[in-house]
């Protein structure tokens, strides 16, 4: 008789634990789904841009000079993105989309011998 009660109690506890675990897993899946939806909505609202860093390798009033600097950089560092922008009154060439300043510093050290006036700027970057 006592053995039956122990088996019943063990069975009851096992069923309760499995039910709790399944409910907890369902809640976790719902939270994960909500977070993914929020991230997707944020991505849509910000056009995929986020805070980060770029390196400004050129700025000046001469548009052709900016194009030449950009082309020179692209030929040497094809794997790093470049942007030519107009920030009145200058034409600016920015390179990279770095999430951290440390990433930008690494590339800055690599390119500074060829682009000695380059420096890191904070701004919106394309999310990866």
C-alpha atoms as a PDB file:
ATOM      1  CA  UNK A   1       0.000   0.000   0.000  1.00  0.00           C
ATOM      2  CA  UNK A   2       2.789   2.408   0.914  1.00  0.00           C
ATOM      3  CA  UNK A   3       4.669   1.471  -2.269  1.00  0.00           C
ATOM      4  CA  UNK A   4       1.606   2.365  -4.384  1.00  0.00           C
ATOM      5  CA  UNK A   5       1.455   5.804  -2.762  1.00  0.00           C
ATOM      6  CA  UNK A   6       5.142   6.400  -3.459  1.00  0.00           C
ATOM      7  CA  UNK A   7       4.715   5.378  -7.111  1.00  0.00           C
ATOM      8  CA  UNK A   8       1.623   7.581  -7.397  1.00  0.00           C
ATOM      9  CA  UNK A   9       3.455  10.504  -5.825  1.00  0.00           C
ATOM     10  CA  UNK A  10       6.468  10.049  -8.138  1.00  0.00           C
ATOM     11  CA  UNK A  11       4.152   9.826 -11.163  1.00  0.00           C
ATOM     12  CA  UNK A  12       2.220  12.909 -10.098  1.00  0.00           C
ATOM     13  CA  UNK A  13       5.406  14.941  -9.551  1.00  0.00           C
ATOM     14  CA  UNK A  14       6.790  13.807 -12.933  1.00  0.00           C
ATOM     15  CA  UNK A  15       3.627  14.856 -14.769  1.00  0.00           C
ATOM     16  CA  UNK A  16       3.611  18.214 -12.965  1.00  0.00           C
ATOM     17  CA  UNK A  17       7.271  18.859 -13.844  1.00  0.00           C
ATOM     18  CA  UNK A  18       6.736  17.944 -17.510  1.00  0.00           C
ATOM     19  CA  UNK A  19       3.668  20.194 -17.670  1.00  0.00           C
ATOM     20  CA  UNK A  20       5.588  23.078 -16.122  1.00  0.00           C
ATOM     21  CA  UNK A  21       8.555  22.547 -18.457  1.00  0.00           C
ATOM     22  CA  UNK A  22       6.296  22.492 -21.513  1.00  0.00           C
ATOM     23  CA  UNK A  23       4.503  25.662 -20.373  1.00  0.00           C
ATOM     24  CA  UNK A  24       7.853  27.356 -19.708  1.00  0.00           C
ATOM     25  CA  UNK A  25       9.104  26.358 -23.179  1.00  0.00           C
ATOM     26  CA  UNK A  26       5.943  27.771 -24.783  1.00  0.00           C
ATOM     27  CA  UNK A  27       6.411  31.068 -22.940  1.00  0.00           C
ATOM     28  CA  UNK A  28      10.044  31.216 -24.026  1.00  0.00           C
ATOM     29  CA  UNK A  29       9.067  30.625 -27.658  1.00  0.00           C
ATOM     30  CA  UNK A  30       6.445  33.388 -27.461  1.00  0.00           C
ATOM     31  CA  UNK A  31       8.947  35.843 -25.987  1.00  0.00           C
ATOM     32  CA  UNK A  32      11.486  34.938 -28.661  1.00  0.00           C
ATOM     33  CA  UNK A  33       8.899  35.471 -31.390  1.00  0.00           C
ATOM     34  CA  UNK A  34       7.961  38.870 -29.923  1.00  0.00           C
ATOM     35  CA  UNK A  35      11.616  39.944 -29.765  1.00  0.00           C
ATOM     36  CA  UNK A  36      12.194  38.929 -33.388  1.00  0.00           C
ATOM     37  CA  UNK A  37       9.116  40.897 -34.451  1.00  0.00           C
ATOM     38  CA  UNK A  38      10.317  43.968 -32.536  1.00  0.00           C
ATOM     39  CA  UNK A  39      13.761  43.702 -34.125  1.00  0.00           C
ATOM     40  CA  UNK A  40      12.227  43.441 -37.608  1.00  0.00           C
ATOM     41  CA  UNK A  41      10.021  46.492 -36.930  1.00  0.00           C
ATOM     42  CA  UNK A  42      12.998  48.490 -35.640  1.00  0.00           C
ATOM     43  CA  UNK A  43      14.979  47.505 -38.743  1.00  0.00           C
ATOM     44  CA  UNK A  44      12.130  48.738 -40.969  1.00  0.00           C
ATOM     45  CA  UNK A  45      11.845  52.044 -39.071  1.00  0.00           C
ATOM     46  CA  UNK A  46      15.578  52.802 -39.155  1.00  0.00           C
ATOM     47  CA  UNK A  47      16.139  51.611 -42.735  1.00  0.00           C
ATOM     48  CA  UNK A  48      18.662  49.143 -41.365  1.00  0.00           C
ATOM     49  CA  UNK A  49      20.924  51.876 -40.022  1.00  0.00           C
ATOM     50  CA  UNK A  50      22.503  51.857 -36.597  1.00  0.00           C
ATOM     51  CA  UNK A  51      25.053  53.854 -34.624  1.00  0.00           C
ATOM     52  CA  UNK A  52      28.625  53.080 -35.512  1.00  0.00           C
ATOM     53  CA  UNK A  53      31.845  54.456 -36.964  1.00  0.00           C
ATOM     54  CA  UNK A  54      33.389  55.266 -40.324  1.00  0.00           C
ATOM     55  CA  UNK A  55      36.734  56.662 -41.376  1.00  0.00           C
ATOM     56  CA  UNK A  56      36.826  59.985 -43.191  1.00  0.00           C
ATOM     57  CA  UNK A  57      39.693  59.761 -45.667  1.00  0.00           C
ATOM     58  CA  UNK A  58      39.036  62.963 -47.624  1.00  0.00           C
ATOM     59  CA  UNK A  59      37.115  66.224 -47.499  1.00  0.00           C
ATOM     60  CA  UNK A  60      37.442  69.201 -49.781  1.00  0.00           C
ATOM     61  CA  UNK A  61      35.637  71.452 -52.244  1.00  0.00           C
ATOM     62  CA  UNK A  62      36.952  69.657 -55.353  1.00  0.00           C
ATOM     63  CA  UNK A  63      34.523  66.938 -56.431  1.00  0.00           C
ATOM     64  CA  UNK A  64      36.952  65.361 -58.902  1.00  0.00           C
ATOM     65  CA  UNK A  65      39.618  65.060 -56.210  1.00  0.00           C
ATOM     66  CA  UNK A  66      37.076  63.277 -53.958  1.00  0.00           C
ATOM     67  CA  UNK A  67      36.234  60.853 -56.775  1.00  0.00           C
ATOM     68  CA  UNK A  68      39.946  60.180 -57.362  1.00  0.00           C
ATOM     69  CA  UNK A  69      40.575  59.501 -53.664  1.00  0.00           C
ATOM     70  CA  UNK A  70      37.577  57.166 -53.507  1.00  0.00           C
ATOM     71  CA  UNK A  71      38.739  55.264 -56.601  1.00  0.00           C
ATOM     72  CA  UNK A  72      42.284  54.956 -55.224  1.00  0.00           C
ATOM     73  CA  UNK A  73      40.904  53.550 -51.962  1.00  0.00           C
ATOM     74  CA  UNK A  74      38.534  51.114 -53.723  1.00  0.00           C
ATOM     75  CA  UNK A  75      41.350  49.753 -55.859  1.00  0.00           C
ATOM     76  CA  UNK A  76      43.544  49.100 -52.840  1.00  0.00           C
ATOM     77  CA  UNK A  77      40.852  47.987 -50.338  1.00  0.00           C
ATOM     78  CA  UNK A  78      38.027  46.474 -52.372  1.00  0.00           C
ATOM     79  CA  UNK A  79      36.592  44.640 -49.356  1.00  0.00           C
ATOM     80  CA  UNK A  80      35.855  47.886 -47.440  1.00  0.00           C
ATOM     81  CA  UNK A  81      32.790  49.906 -48.431  1.00  0.00           C
ATOM     82  CA  UNK A  82      33.148  53.539 -49.524  1.00  0.00           C
ATOM     83  CA  UNK A  83      30.730  56.443 -49.599  1.00  0.00           C
ATOM     84  CA  UNK A  84      31.087  59.759 -51.368  1.00  0.00           C
ATOM     85  CA  UNK A  85      28.939  62.414 -49.750  1.00  0.00           C
ATOM     86  CA  UNK A  86      28.436  66.159 -50.014  1.00  0.00           C
ATOM     87  CA  UNK A  87      28.526  67.966 -46.671  1.00  0.00           C
ATOM     88  CA  UNK A  88      28.320  71.601 -47.612  1.00  0.00           C
ATOM     89  CA  UNK A  89      30.754  73.026 -48.671  1.00  0.00           C
ATOM     90  CA  UNK A  90      32.883  69.855 -48.938  1.00  0.00           C
ATOM     91  CA  UNK A  91      32.855  66.586 -50.808  1.00  0.00           C
ATOM     92  CA  UNK A  92      33.593  63.846 -48.304  1.00  0.00           C
ATOM     93  CA  UNK A  93      34.814  60.276 -48.740  1.00  0.00           C
ATOM     94  CA  UNK A  94      33.931  57.906 -45.898  1.00  0.00           C
ATOM     95  CA  UNK A  95      34.985  54.285 -45.653  1.00  0.00           C
ATOM     96  CA  UNK A  96      33.739  51.298 -43.694  1.00  0.00           C
ATOM     97  CA  UNK A  97      30.738  50.394 -41.584  1.00  0.00           C
ATOM     98  CA  UNK A  98      32.191  49.627 -38.161  1.00  0.00           C
ATOM     99  CA  UNK A  99      30.042  48.683 -35.179  1.00  0.00           C
ATOM    100  CA  UNK A 100      32.799  49.418 -32.682  1.00  0.00           C
ATOM    101  CA  UNK A 101      35.502  52.040 -32.493  1.00  0.00           C
ATOM    102  CA  UNK A 102      38.070  49.279 -32.067  1.00  0.00           C
ATOM    103  CA  UNK A 103      37.214  47.892 -35.524  1.00  0.00           C
ATOM    104  CA  UNK A 104      37.611  51.377 -36.998  1.00  0.00           C
ATOM    105  CA  UNK A 105      40.954  51.922 -35.239  1.00  0.00           C
ATOM    106  CA  UNK A 106      42.329  48.671 -36.700  1.00  0.00           C
ATOM    107  CA  UNK A 107      41.510  49.763 -40.251  1.00  0.00           C
ATOM    108  CA  UNK A 108      42.681  53.333 -39.594  1.00  0.00           C
ATOM    109  CA  UNK A 109      46.123  52.017 -38.633  1.00  0.00           C
ATOM    110  CA  UNK A 110      46.167  49.923 -41.805  1.00  0.00           C
ATOM    111  CA  UNK A 111      45.337  52.820 -44.178  1.00  0.00           C
ATOM    112  CA  UNK A 112      46.917  55.803 -42.443  1.00  0.00           C
ATOM    113  CA  UNK A 113      50.219  55.561 -44.297  1.00  0.00           C
ATOM    114  CA  UNK A 114      48.434  56.116 -47.642  1.00  0.00           C
ATOM    115  CA  UNK A 115      45.714  58.409 -46.300  1.00  0.00           C
ATOM    116  CA  UNK A 116      47.508  60.384 -43.576  1.00  0.00           C
ATOM    117  CA  UNK A 117      44.731  62.915 -42.958  1.00  0.00           C
ATOM    118  CA  UNK A 118      42.133  60.202 -42.269  1.00  0.00           C
ATOM    119  CA  UNK A 119      40.291  60.055 -38.952  1.00  0.00           C
ATOM    120  CA  UNK A 120      37.380  58.224 -37.302  1.00  0.00           C
ATOM    121  CA  UNK A 121      33.898  59.752 -37.252  1.00  0.00           C
ATOM    122  CA  UNK A 122      30.790  58.578 -35.470  1.00  0.00           C
ATOM    123  CA  UNK A 123      27.561  58.258 -37.420  1.00  0.00           C
ATOM    124  CA  UNK A 124      24.887  55.994 -38.801  1.00  0.00           C
ATOM    125  CA  UNK A 125      26.113  52.856 -40.529  1.00  0.00           C
ATOM    126  CA  UNK A 126      24.424  50.149 -42.531  1.00  0.00           C
ATOM    127  CA  UNK A 127      23.540  47.251 -40.260  1.00  0.00           C
ATOM    128  CA  UNK A 128      25.049  43.901 -41.046  1.00  0.00           C
END
